[in-house]
Amino acid sequence: MILSNPPLHFSLPPSITMAAASATSTTSLSATFSSLSIHHHRRRKPPSLLPTPNSRPHFSPLLSHKLLPPPKSTPEAETTIYENEEDAMMMSIFSPPERPEDFVPPPSFDDGPMESEEEIARAYEELYGPAYSGETLLGNDVFVMDSKVKKVTGLGSSRNKDKKVRDGFEERVVQVRRVTKVVKGGKQLHFRAVVVVGDKQGNVGVGVGKAKEVVAAVQKSAVNARRNIITVPMTKYKTFPHRSEADYGAARVMLRPASPGTGVIAGGAVRIVLELAGVENALGKQLGSNNALNNARATVVAVQQMRQFSEVAEQRGIPMEELWK
């Protein structure tokens, strides 16, 4: 009894099979193009994707089947085949065209005549204006630059500090106090100023500011007061439309309307606020603390609670004559 072994079948991986097939095709292509070289009319030679006959081809199992085809020639670009590389290099060298017979080269910048100092000064003054030397060659005002610099940069600020802002508001200082702040290194001394601003047309504001100098504190408080302007409701007799009471902190203020000719009967910060607001006939009383800042702010709160007769009638939806019925 003779036993025959079954035939053995081996299956190679697809990557090895494709690599072998690609190796065979590449070897045949290298033998065909070994005697020819392809060059374009460009100076830079495109990199070749085919291996040389003396080099051993190296294939990657992932990129062996993705060999790029040769570049396609477009109808605009012509392709020329040379037998050797020397002819190709000679054709790729750029040769500039010859100059015409009547060609005249332009003059150099340094070959021209040197400019005089007067010409340079005239050109500088035409571009940037008169210089600070006090001399002008074009008849300009030599002091115009100084006035522009003072306006733009604020030179001479010592004069500007004394000038007040002319916006129609009158400033009045209510109180200036020294305040100290205790820090690790000791005490820091500052000044706190309370200022009331108003145009005597129904607009008034109270502000407070602190600084190391009294003048700076007053300026900061005036700016703060202008940011907190309110409108005071008044009748044609320059008085309040009705009574009002308000408090701010420990300060409490009572305001009452008055008949024409009475004047402002109030004291302290309440009187200053009412006068700058434009109130001519009113009664005011401080019922709580004597703190000037709190009394001024309490006066502002009491004024904000007031309403005109027209506003109340519009809110109720009735004519203004029926409010007293």
Protein backbone atom coordinates (compact mmCIF):
# COMPACT_ATOMS: atom_id res chain seq x y z
CA MET A 1 0.00 0.00 0.00
CA ILE A 2 1.58 3.22 -1.20
CA LEU A 3 0.58 6.45 0.48
CA SER A 4 0.97 9.60 -1.58
CA ASN A 5 1.35 12.90 0.16
CA PRO A 6 -1.18 15.54 -0.92
CA PRO A 7 0.29 18.49 -2.83
CA LEU A 8 1.11 21.51 -0.72
CA HIS A 9 -0.23 24.89 -1.72
CA PHE A 10 1.33 28.09 -0.32
CA SER A 11 -0.39 31.46 -0.58
CA LEU A 12 1.80 34.57 -0.44
CA PRO A 13 0.54 37.83 1.02
CA PRO A 14 -0.85 40.26 -1.54
CA SER A 15 1.76 42.90 -0.65
CA ILE A 16 4.68 40.56 -1.53
CA THR A 17 3.00 39.52 -4.79
CA MET A 18 2.42 43.16 -5.84
CA ALA A 19 6.00 44.07 -4.87
CA ALA A 20 7.40 41.31 -7.08
CA ALA A 21 5.22 42.37 -10.00
CA SER A 22 6.20 45.98 -9.59
CA ALA A 23 9.90 45.03 -9.43
CA THR A 24 9.64 43.22 -12.75
CA SER A 25 7.82 46.09 -14.47
CA THR A 26 10.21 48.70 -13.06
CA THR A 27 13.30 46.76 -14.23
CA SER A 28 11.93 46.63 -17.78
CA LEU A 29 11.12 50.35 -17.75
CA SER A 30 14.59 51.24 -16.47
CA ALA A 31 16.18 49.27 -19.28
CA THR A 32 14.03 51.04 -21.86
CA PHE A 33 14.70 54.64 -20.67
CA SER A 34 18.34 54.14 -19.71
CA SER A 35 19.62 55.60 -23.01
CA LEU A 36 17.23 58.56 -23.07
CA SER A 37 16.85 61.57 -20.82
CA ILE A 38 13.79 63.78 -20.75
CA HIS A 39 14.32 67.50 -20.06
CA HIS A 40 12.04 70.50 -20.32
CA HIS A 41 13.07 74.02 -21.28
CA ARG A 42 13.21 74.93 -17.61
CA ARG A 43 16.35 75.65 -15.64
CA ARG A 44 15.38 73.34 -12.81
CA LYS A 45 15.39 69.64 -13.63
CA PRO A 46 12.32 67.81 -12.28
CA PRO A 47 13.12 64.93 -9.95
CA SER A 48 12.95 61.54 -11.61
CA LEU A 49 10.75 58.86 -10.14
CA LEU A 50 12.59 55.98 -11.94
CA PRO A 51 15.67 54.31 -10.40
CA THR A 52 19.01 54.25 -12.17
CA PRO A 53 20.34 50.95 -13.62
CA ASN A 54 23.20 50.73 -11.09
CA SER A 55 21.07 51.42 -8.01
CA ARG A 56 19.09 48.73 -6.29
CA PRO A 57 15.39 49.52 -6.31
CA HIS A 58 13.76 49.93 -2.92
CA PHE A 59 10.06 49.26 -2.72
CA SER A 60 7.62 49.92 0.05
CA PRO A 61 4.79 47.41 0.47
CA LEU A 62 2.33 50.30 0.91
CA LEU A 63 3.49 52.57 -1.95
CA SER A 64 4.71 50.03 -4.51
CA HIS A 65 1.41 50.05 -6.42
CA LYS A 66 1.13 53.89 -6.39
CA LEU A 67 3.88 54.82 -8.84
CA LEU A 68 3.13 58.21 -10.39
CA PRO A 69 2.74 58.31 -14.18
CA PRO A 70 5.10 60.48 -16.24
CA PRO A 71 4.05 64.14 -16.47
CA LYS A 72 1.64 64.85 -19.28
CA SER A 73 2.75 67.38 -21.84
CA THR A 74 0.37 70.28 -22.38
CA PRO A 75 -0.09 71.81 -25.82
CA GLU A 76 1.54 75.06 -24.60
CA ALA A 77 4.71 73.47 -23.15
CA GLU A 78 6.88 71.62 -25.67
CA THR A 79 9.01 68.61 -24.70
CA THR A 80 12.37 68.01 -26.32
CA ILE A 81 14.44 64.83 -26.02
CA TYR A 82 18.23 65.21 -26.03
CA GLU A 83 20.79 62.46 -26.54
CA ASN A 84 23.15 63.69 -23.83
CA GLU A 85 22.90 65.97 -20.79
CA GLU A 86 25.37 68.61 -22.04
CA ASP A 87 23.02 69.72 -24.83
CA ALA A 88 20.19 69.95 -22.33
CA MET A 89 22.25 72.10 -19.93
CA MET A 90 23.27 74.46 -22.74
CA MET A 91 19.66 75.00 -23.74
CA SER A 92 18.54 75.61 -20.17
CA ILE A 93 21.02 78.51 -19.60
CA PHE A 94 19.32 81.93 -19.88
CA SER A 95 20.88 84.33 -22.36
CA PRO A 96 19.66 87.96 -22.00
CA PRO A 97 18.76 89.87 -25.16
CA GLU A 98 21.26 92.29 -26.64
CA ARG A 99 20.88 96.00 -25.92
CA PRO A 100 19.79 98.20 -28.81
CA GLU A 101 22.30 100.55 -30.40
CA ASP A 102 20.57 103.75 -29.20
CA PHE A 103 20.26 102.58 -25.59
CA VAL A 104 21.34 105.20 -23.01
CA PRO A 105 21.69 104.02 -19.37
CA PRO A 106 19.87 106.18 -16.78
CA PRO A 107 22.03 108.44 -14.58
CA SER A 108 22.89 107.24 -11.10
CA PHE A 109 21.43 108.92 -8.01
CA ASP A 110 24.86 109.84 -6.71
CA ASP A 111 25.95 111.40 -9.99
CA GLY A 112 23.56 114.37 -9.67
CA PRO A 113 24.55 117.75 -8.21
CA MET A 114 24.57 118.14 -4.42
CA GLU A 115 21.67 120.11 -2.89
CA SER A 116 22.46 123.24 -0.94
CA GLU A 117 21.40 123.77 2.67
CA GLU A 118 18.85 126.34 1.61
CA GLU A 119 17.17 123.91 -0.78
CA ILE A 120 17.07 121.27 1.93
CA ALA A 121 15.55 123.77 4.40
CA ARG A 122 12.91 124.78 1.86
CA ALA A 123 11.95 121.16 1.23
CA TYR A 124 11.81 120.43 4.97
CA GLU A 125 9.63 123.49 5.62
CA GLU A 126 7.30 122.55 2.78
CA LEU A 127 6.78 119.08 4.25
CA TYR A 128 6.83 119.68 8.02
CA GLY A 129 6.30 123.42 8.43
CA PRO A 130 8.67 126.06 9.85
CA ALA A 131 11.49 124.89 12.08
CA TYR A 132 12.09 125.95 15.67
CA SER A 133 15.09 128.05 14.68
CA GLY A 134 12.81 131.06 14.15
CA GLU A 135 13.67 131.39 10.46
CA THR A 136 11.35 130.73 7.54
CA LEU A 137 12.16 130.54 3.83
CA LEU A 138 8.58 130.31 2.56
CA GLY A 139 7.09 133.18 4.56
CA ASN A 140 5.26 131.03 7.15
CA ASP A 141 4.55 131.97 10.76
CA VAL A 142 7.38 130.71 12.94
CA PHE A 143 5.16 130.57 16.04
CA VAL A 144 2.40 128.42 14.58
CA MET A 145 4.17 125.21 15.59
CA ASP A 146 4.40 126.32 19.24
CA SER A 147 0.66 126.98 19.45
CA LYS A 148 -0.13 123.59 17.89
CA VAL A 149 2.14 121.76 20.31
CA LYS A 150 0.56 123.50 23.29
CA LYS A 151 -2.92 122.53 22.15
CA VAL A 152 -2.09 118.92 21.31
CA THR A 153 0.44 117.94 23.97
CA GLY A 154 -0.80 120.22 26.74
CA LEU A 155 2.49 122.03 27.30
CA GLY A 156 2.21 124.82 29.81
CA SER A 157 -0.15 122.77 31.96
CA SER A 158 0.34 125.12 34.90
CA ARG A 159 -1.95 127.59 33.17
CA ASN A 160 -4.49 124.96 32.22
CA LYS A 161 -4.86 123.83 35.82
CA ASP A 162 -6.27 127.19 36.87
CA LYS A 163 -8.78 127.31 34.00
CA LYS A 164 -12.26 126.01 34.78
CA VAL A 165 -14.42 124.05 32.40
CA ARG A 166 -16.88 126.38 30.72
CA ASP A 167 -19.94 124.17 30.30
CA GLY A 168 -22.50 126.37 32.05
CA PHE A 169 -22.19 124.66 35.45
CA GLU A 170 -21.14 126.51 38.56
CA GLU A 171 -19.01 124.73 41.13
CA ARG A 172 -19.12 125.22 44.87
CA VAL A 173 -16.99 123.41 47.42
CA VAL A 174 -19.02 122.12 50.36
CA GLN A 175 -16.31 120.53 52.45
CA VAL A 176 -12.60 119.62 52.38
CA ARG A 177 -11.27 117.17 54.96
CA ARG A 178 -8.02 115.36 55.63
CA VAL A 179 -8.33 111.60 55.64
CA THR A 180 -5.68 109.01 56.47
CA LYS A 181 -5.25 105.45 55.35
CA VAL A 182 -3.32 103.07 57.59
CA VAL A 183 -1.03 100.74 55.63
CA LYS A 184 1.83 98.46 56.53
CA GLY A 185 4.43 101.19 56.27
CA GLY A 186 2.45 103.80 58.21
CA LYS A 187 -0.30 106.29 57.40
CA GLN A 188 -1.09 107.87 54.03
CA LEU A 189 -2.54 111.38 54.13
CA HIS A 190 -5.10 112.44 51.51
CA PHE A 191 -7.69 115.18 51.09
CA ARG A 192 -11.38 114.51 50.44
CA ALA A 193 -13.46 117.23 48.80
CA VAL A 194 -17.25 117.45 48.40
CA VAL A 195 -18.35 119.63 45.47
CA VAL A 196 -21.80 120.56 44.18
CA VAL A 197 -22.26 121.67 40.56
CA GLY A 198 -25.37 123.20 38.99
CA ASP A 199 -26.53 125.50 36.20
CA LYS A 200 -29.39 127.14 38.17
CA GLN A 201 -31.77 125.88 35.50
CA GLY A 202 -32.94 122.73 37.30
CA ASN A 203 -29.78 120.60 36.90
CA VAL A 204 -27.59 119.80 39.91
CA GLY A 205 -25.11 117.12 40.95
CA VAL A 206 -23.10 116.11 44.04
CA GLY A 207 -19.63 114.59 43.75
CA VAL A 208 -16.78 113.51 46.01
CA GLY A 209 -13.11 112.89 45.26
CA LYS A 210 -9.86 112.17 47.10
CA ALA A 211 -6.29 113.08 46.18
CA LYS A 212 -2.96 113.95 47.76
CA GLU A 213 -3.50 117.64 46.99
CA VAL A 214 -6.51 119.85 47.63
CA VAL A 215 -6.67 121.18 44.05
CA ALA A 216 -6.60 117.70 42.56
CA ALA A 217 -9.27 116.51 45.00
CA VAL A 218 -11.57 119.40 44.05
CA GLN A 219 -11.09 118.69 40.33
CA LYS A 220 -11.85 114.99 40.74
CA SER A 221 -14.95 115.69 42.82
CA ALA A 222 -16.18 118.21 40.21
CA VAL A 223 -15.82 115.59 37.49
CA ASN A 224 -17.68 113.08 39.65
CA ALA A 225 -20.47 115.58 40.26
CA ARG A 226 -20.90 116.18 36.52
CA ARG A 227 -21.39 112.45 36.06
CA ASN A 228 -24.29 112.44 38.56
CA ILE A 229 -26.45 115.29 37.25
CA ILE A 230 -30.19 115.14 38.07
CA THR A 231 -33.14 117.34 37.13
CA VAL A 232 -35.09 119.16 39.86
CA PRO A 233 -38.85 119.54 39.19
CA MET A 234 -39.99 123.13 39.80
CA THR A 235 -43.09 125.24 39.25
CA LYS A 236 -43.26 128.65 37.58
CA TYR A 237 -42.61 130.25 40.98
CA LYS A 238 -39.23 128.48 41.27
CA THR A 239 -40.35 126.23 44.10
CA PHE A 240 -41.12 122.54 44.65
CA PRO A 241 -44.40 121.05 43.43
CA HIS A 242 -45.03 119.24 46.75
CA ARG A 243 -43.41 118.14 49.99
CA SER A 244 -40.73 115.49 50.20
CA GLU A 245 -38.59 113.76 52.83
CA ALA A 246 -35.65 111.41 52.35
CA ASP A 247 -32.69 110.03 54.24
CA TYR A 248 -29.21 108.92 53.28
CA GLY A 249 -27.31 107.06 55.95
CA ALA A 250 -27.90 108.80 59.28
CA ALA A 251 -28.90 112.09 57.61
CA ARG A 252 -32.55 112.98 57.05
CA VAL A 253 -33.78 116.00 55.06
CA MET A 254 -37.23 117.59 54.84
CA LEU A 255 -38.16 119.86 51.88
CA ARG A 256 -41.25 122.06 51.64
CA PRO A 257 -42.49 124.42 48.89
CA ALA A 258 -42.78 128.16 49.75
CA SER A 259 -44.69 131.15 48.43
CA PRO A 260 -43.00 133.67 46.12
CA GLY A 261 -40.67 136.04 47.93
CA THR A 262 -39.79 133.61 50.71
CA GLY A 263 -36.34 132.70 49.47
CA VAL A 264 -34.34 129.60 50.36
CA ILE A 265 -34.61 128.95 54.07
CA ALA A 266 -32.17 126.12 54.72
CA GLY A 267 -28.68 125.62 55.99
CA GLY A 268 -25.53 123.64 55.34
CA ALA A 269 -25.26 121.45 52.29
CA VAL A 270 -29.04 121.58 51.69
CA ARG A 271 -28.91 125.30 50.94
CA ILE A 272 -25.99 124.92 48.50
CA VAL A 273 -27.74 122.16 46.56
CA LEU A 274 -31.00 124.12 46.29
CA GLU A 275 -29.30 127.37 45.23
CA LEU A 276 -27.24 125.70 42.46
CA ALA A 277 -30.36 123.87 41.28
CA GLY A 278 -32.11 127.20 40.71
CA VAL A 279 -34.71 126.97 43.51
CA GLU A 280 -35.61 130.47 44.78
CA ASN A 281 -38.44 129.76 47.24
CA ALA A 282 -38.21 126.67 49.45
CA LEU A 283 -37.94 125.48 53.03
CA GLY A 284 -35.39 122.87 54.09
CA LYS A 285 -34.49 121.23 57.36
CA GLN A 286 -31.80 118.76 58.45
CA LEU A 287 -33.38 116.26 60.85
CA GLY A 288 -30.54 113.81 61.35
CA SER A 289 -26.75 113.82 61.17
CA ASN A 290 -24.76 116.95 60.40
CA ASN A 291 -22.52 115.18 57.89
CA ALA A 292 -22.26 117.46 54.87
CA LEU A 293 -21.89 114.70 52.26
CA ASN A 294 -24.81 112.65 53.57
CA ASN A 295 -27.07 115.72 53.82
CA ALA A 296 -26.24 116.73 50.25
CA ARG A 297 -27.01 113.25 48.97
CA ALA A 298 -30.18 113.07 51.05
CA THR A 299 -31.32 116.32 49.41
CA VAL A 300 -30.72 114.77 45.99
CA VAL A 301 -32.75 111.69 46.95
CA ALA A 302 -35.62 113.86 48.22
CA VAL A 303 -35.66 115.84 44.97
CA GLN A 304 -35.71 112.66 42.89
CA GLN A 305 -38.91 111.58 44.66
CA MET A 306 -40.78 114.68 43.45
CA ARG A 307 -43.00 114.66 40.33
CA GLN A 308 -44.64 117.35 38.27
CA PHE A 309 -48.44 117.74 38.12
CA SER A 310 -48.40 116.91 34.41
CA GLU A 311 -46.59 113.62 35.03
CA VAL A 312 -49.13 112.54 37.68
CA ALA A 313 -52.09 113.50 35.44
CA GLU A 314 -50.63 111.60 32.52
CA GLN A 315 -50.03 108.57 34.71
CA ARG A 316 -53.62 108.62 36.01
CA GLY A 317 -55.07 109.37 32.59
CA ILE A 318 -57.04 112.46 33.66
CA PRO A 319 -56.76 116.17 32.84
CA MET A 320 -54.46 118.18 35.08
CA GLU A 321 -57.39 120.40 36.24
CA GLU A 322 -59.03 117.41 37.96
CA LEU A 323 -56.08 116.75 40.27
CA TRP A 324 -57.44 119.23 42.86
CA LYS A 325 -61.04 118.04 42.78
